Structures are given as structure tokens and as C-alpha cells.
């Protein structure tokens, strides 16, 4: 598939078929996240792959308890056969930029105008989203708003890693588009400013 086609077809899928993702597709999705851009070639993103009913069930039990799932608008989300937690490491960036070729020996977080560790992890996540489309799969990036301490405990996520969200991956089933799409896309003239705001 051409890149432009993958970008055009990419959307957040909230309803999945209950069938496994081919191992080769899953390996490509994960492999394409690894060369994503990272400041100082820090490569501070890590990915927790969760498959199988037990692992996925623990994800949902931690982040979306059963009583909340009962009335959820998109129950097909919970059929996604794969959940990936992209995790950013601020410490990796502070360590990397204290190395001699960077010269920020104080490791001060104040030197960073924005949290590059989260941005770079987001780059890797977008690579996974686009690769899922290229593989004929669907994916949804969603926030981990509740249950992060339980999620850390359930899967042994080290304290120095911060999940920036989660990625559900699987075969898309027909679903109801998000009502947010009714807003449409902002016109080019409101988004792109050439030479001056």
C-alpha cells in the first residue's frame, strides 16, 4: 500500500472481530515502531505487547472495570485481540543528554521546551497505527485515564516508564463512527500558515 493511501485510510477503529492478528503482521507493527525518530537517538520508547484473553482481560479490569463496560458505547473494543502499551522513559532522555556529546551534565528537565520522551513515543505509536492499516487491520489509540497503578502492578511496568496511552489492534468490524467526526476537518487556511500567521 502507498503511504498516502495508508494515511488516507487510517481511522480510529472501535469495533473488532474476535479473531487473532497474524504473528507476521504483529511483528511488522512492532518492528516499524523501533526506527521512529527520537531526540539524540535516545530510543526511549518501549512497548508492552498484551495478547490472549488473560492479558487483555487484566488490561480491561485495571483500566475499564466491568461495571463501566456494561453501558459502554463501543463494546466491540473489548474484543480487540491485541493491546499494546507504548511507554516513554523521561529518564532515558535525561541520561542521554548528560552524555559527553550532548553536554547537559545536570540532567535538568527544565532544559526541555516540551517532553520529547512523550513526543517520540507518539511518533512510534503513529508508525504502529499506519502499519496496522497497511496490514489490513484496524487500530485505536486511547488514553489510560484510570487504573494506571493497577496496570503497573498487573504487568510489572517499571516506575521509570510512563504509558502514553494504549493501542488496540485487530480485524475491524463494522462500527459506528465517532460523533466527533461530525465536526469535519478544519480548512487548510486555518491550519497551515505560510510565511506569517
Protein backbone atom coordinates (compact mmCIF):
# COMPACT_ATOMS: atom_id res chain seq x y z
CA UNK A 1 0.00 0.00 0.00
CA UNK A 2 1.23 3.51 -0.78
CA UNK A 3 1.91 5.71 2.24
CA UNK A 4 -0.66 8.27 1.07
CA UNK A 5 -3.29 5.52 0.98
CA UNK A 6 -2.43 4.32 4.49
CA UNK A 7 -2.68 7.90 5.77
CA UNK A 8 -5.99 8.45 3.97
CA UNK A 9 -7.50 5.18 5.25
CA UNK A 10 -6.26 5.49 8.84
CA UNK A 11 -9.07 5.96 11.34
CA UNK A 12 -9.68 5.00 14.93
CA UNK A 13 -11.45 1.62 14.99
CA UNK A 14 -13.68 0.93 18.00
CA UNK A 15 -15.19 -2.41 17.00
CA UNK A 16 -13.14 -5.54 16.40
CA UNK A 17 -13.75 -9.08 15.25
CA UNK A 18 -12.86 -11.80 17.72
CA UNK A 19 -10.04 -13.39 15.72
CA UNK A 20 -6.29 -13.29 16.18
CA UNK A 21 -3.86 -10.98 14.45
CA UNK A 22 -1.37 -12.88 12.27
CA UNK A 23 2.00 -13.11 14.02
CA UNK A 24 3.84 -11.70 10.98
CA UNK A 25 1.57 -8.62 10.91
CA UNK A 26 2.06 -8.04 14.60
CA UNK A 27 5.83 -8.33 14.25
CA UNK A 28 5.80 -5.74 11.43
CA UNK A 29 3.69 -3.36 13.53
CA UNK A 30 6.14 -3.59 16.42
CA UNK A 31 9.21 -3.52 14.19
CA UNK A 32 8.06 -0.32 12.45
CA UNK A 33 7.83 1.46 15.81
CA UNK A 34 11.51 0.89 16.60
CA UNK A 35 13.10 3.20 13.98
CA UNK A 36 10.77 6.11 14.76
CA UNK A 37 12.56 9.44 15.29
CA UNK A 38 14.00 10.09 18.74
CA UNK A 39 15.92 13.09 20.06
CA UNK A 40 19.62 12.28 20.37
CA UNK A 41 18.81 8.81 19.03
CA UNK A 42 17.79 8.08 22.62
CA UNK A 43 15.27 5.42 21.60
CA UNK A 44 13.48 5.85 24.92
CA UNK A 45 10.20 4.21 23.91
CA UNK A 46 9.32 0.67 24.97
CA UNK A 47 6.24 -1.37 24.13
CA UNK A 48 4.31 -3.84 26.24
CA UNK A 49 2.53 -6.35 23.99
CA UNK A 50 -0.55 -7.96 25.52
CA UNK A 51 -2.30 -10.84 23.78
CA UNK A 52 -4.63 -13.61 24.79
CA UNK A 53 -7.80 -13.46 26.85
CA UNK A 54 -6.00 -13.40 30.21
CA UNK A 55 -3.66 -10.50 29.42
CA UNK A 56 -6.32 -8.46 27.64
CA UNK A 57 -8.80 -9.16 30.43
CA UNK A 58 -6.35 -7.81 33.00
CA UNK A 59 -5.89 -4.64 30.93
CA UNK A 60 -9.63 -4.00 30.90
CA UNK A 61 -10.06 -4.95 34.58
CA UNK A 62 -7.44 -2.36 35.51
CA UNK A 63 -8.45 0.46 33.18
CA UNK A 64 -12.12 -0.11 32.44
CA UNK A 65 -13.84 -2.13 35.20
CA UNK A 66 -16.76 -4.42 34.32
CA UNK A 67 -19.40 -2.09 35.74
CA UNK A 68 -18.29 0.65 33.33
CA UNK A 69 -18.05 -1.75 30.39
CA UNK A 70 -21.72 -2.76 30.65
CA UNK A 71 -23.03 0.51 29.19
CA UNK A 72 -20.06 1.43 27.03
CA UNK A 73 -20.96 2.79 23.60
CA UNK A 74 -18.43 0.61 21.75
CA UNK A 75 -18.42 -2.82 23.42
CA UNK A 76 -16.58 -4.30 20.41
CA UNK A 77 -13.44 -2.54 21.60
CA UNK A 78 -13.06 -5.22 24.25
CA UNK A 79 -12.79 -7.90 21.54
CA UNK A 80 -9.52 -6.45 20.21
CA UNK A 81 -7.10 -9.39 20.22
CA UNK A 82 -4.06 -7.21 20.90
CA UNK A 83 -3.35 -4.30 23.22
CA UNK A 84 -0.01 -2.52 23.06
CA UNK A 85 1.12 -0.08 25.74
CA UNK A 86 3.63 2.42 24.31
CA UNK A 87 5.77 3.62 27.23
CA UNK A 88 8.04 6.66 27.37
CA UNK A 89 11.14 6.99 29.53
CA UNK A 90 11.95 10.53 30.63
CA UNK A 91 14.98 9.17 32.49
CA UNK A 92 16.43 7.77 29.26
CA UNK A 93 16.39 11.26 27.72
CA UNK A 94 17.82 12.97 30.79
CA UNK A 95 20.59 10.34 30.88
CA UNK A 96 21.28 10.57 27.14
CA UNK A 97 21.59 14.37 27.15
CA UNK A 98 24.02 14.21 30.09
CA UNK A 99 26.44 12.21 27.92
CA UNK A 100 29.59 13.99 26.66
CA UNK A 101 28.37 14.51 23.08
CA UNK A 102 25.31 16.40 24.39
CA UNK A 103 26.85 18.15 27.39
CA UNK A 104 23.86 18.75 29.68
CA UNK A 105 25.53 17.17 32.68
CA UNK A 106 22.97 18.47 35.17
CA UNK A 107 20.12 16.29 33.74
CA UNK A 108 17.71 19.18 34.28
CA UNK A 109 14.23 18.58 32.91
CA UNK A 110 13.87 22.39 32.69
CA UNK A 111 16.12 22.37 29.59
CA UNK A 112 13.43 20.63 27.56
CA UNK A 113 10.87 23.01 26.00
CA UNK A 114 8.44 20.08 25.61
CA UNK A 115 8.59 16.44 26.82
CA UNK A 116 10.40 14.89 23.85
CA UNK A 117 10.10 11.46 25.50
CA UNK A 118 6.31 11.61 25.05
CA UNK A 119 6.55 13.13 21.57
CA UNK A 120 8.99 10.48 20.35
CA UNK A 121 6.82 7.73 21.82
CA UNK A 122 3.91 9.31 19.92
CA UNK A 123 5.93 9.14 16.68
CA UNK A 124 6.44 5.41 17.26
CA UNK A 125 2.74 4.97 18.02
CA UNK A 126 1.76 6.67 14.75
CA UNK A 127 4.10 4.29 12.91
CA UNK A 128 2.21 1.38 14.50
CA UNK A 129 -1.18 2.90 13.57
CA UNK A 130 -0.15 3.30 9.93
CA UNK A 131 1.41 -0.16 9.78
CA UNK A 132 -1.83 -1.66 11.10
CA UNK A 133 -3.67 -0.04 8.18
CA UNK A 134 -1.02 -1.31 5.77
CA UNK A 135 -1.59 -4.83 7.15
CA UNK A 136 -5.36 -4.55 6.56
CA UNK A 137 -6.04 -4.25 10.29
CA UNK A 138 -7.68 -1.62 12.43
CA UNK A 139 -6.33 0.15 15.48
CA UNK A 140 -7.42 2.58 18.16
CA UNK A 141 -5.18 4.78 20.28
CA UNK A 142 -6.87 5.54 23.59
CA UNK A 143 -5.88 7.18 26.84
CA UNK A 144 -5.30 5.35 30.10
CA UNK A 145 -7.35 7.66 32.29
CA UNK A 146 -7.98 5.29 35.18
CA UNK A 147 -6.22 2.37 36.78
CA UNK A 148 -2.60 3.16 35.96
CA UNK A 149 -1.28 1.98 39.36
CA UNK A 150 -3.18 -1.31 38.96
CA UNK A 151 -1.93 -1.66 35.39
CA UNK A 152 1.66 -1.13 36.53
CA UNK A 153 1.25 -3.77 39.24
CA UNK A 154 -0.52 -6.28 36.98
CA UNK A 155 2.18 -6.23 34.31
CA UNK A 156 5.32 -5.16 36.20
CA UNK A 157 5.73 -1.88 34.33
CA UNK A 158 8.90 -0.22 35.72
CA UNK A 159 8.42 3.10 37.52
CA UNK A 160 10.67 4.92 35.05
CA UNK A 161 8.33 4.07 32.16
CA UNK A 162 5.14 6.00 31.58
CA UNK A 163 2.43 4.60 29.28
CA UNK A 164 1.35 7.45 27.00
CA UNK A 165 -1.86 5.55 26.26
CA UNK A 166 -2.77 2.21 24.72
CA UNK A 167 -3.25 0.80 21.25
CA UNK A 168 -5.95 -1.77 20.49
CA UNK A 169 -5.23 -3.73 17.30
CA UNK A 170 -7.28 -6.27 15.39
CA UNK A 171 -9.55 -7.00 12.47
CA UNK A 172 -12.04 -4.16 12.12
CA UNK A 173 -15.74 -4.95 12.37
CA UNK A 174 -18.46 -2.58 11.17
CA UNK A 175 -18.80 0.19 13.68
CA UNK A 176 -20.48 3.49 14.32
CA UNK A 177 -18.14 6.38 13.58
CA UNK A 178 -17.29 8.69 16.44
CA UNK A 179 -19.75 11.59 16.71
CA UNK A 180 -16.69 13.86 16.87
CA UNK A 181 -16.19 13.31 13.14
CA UNK A 182 -19.28 15.47 12.58
CA UNK A 183 -17.06 18.46 13.26
CA UNK A 184 -15.32 17.87 9.94
CA UNK A 185 -11.75 18.84 9.15
CA UNK A 186 -10.56 22.37 9.68
CA UNK A 187 -9.97 24.20 6.38
CA UNK A 188 -6.39 24.32 5.15
CA UNK A 189 -6.25 28.10 5.62
CA UNK A 190 -6.95 27.71 9.35
CA UNK A 191 -4.32 25.03 9.79
CA UNK A 192 -1.43 25.95 7.51
CA UNK A 193 0.13 29.41 7.73
CA UNK A 194 2.68 30.22 5.06
CA UNK A 195 5.39 32.75 5.92
CA UNK A 196 3.38 34.52 8.64
CA UNK A 197 0.48 33.70 10.96
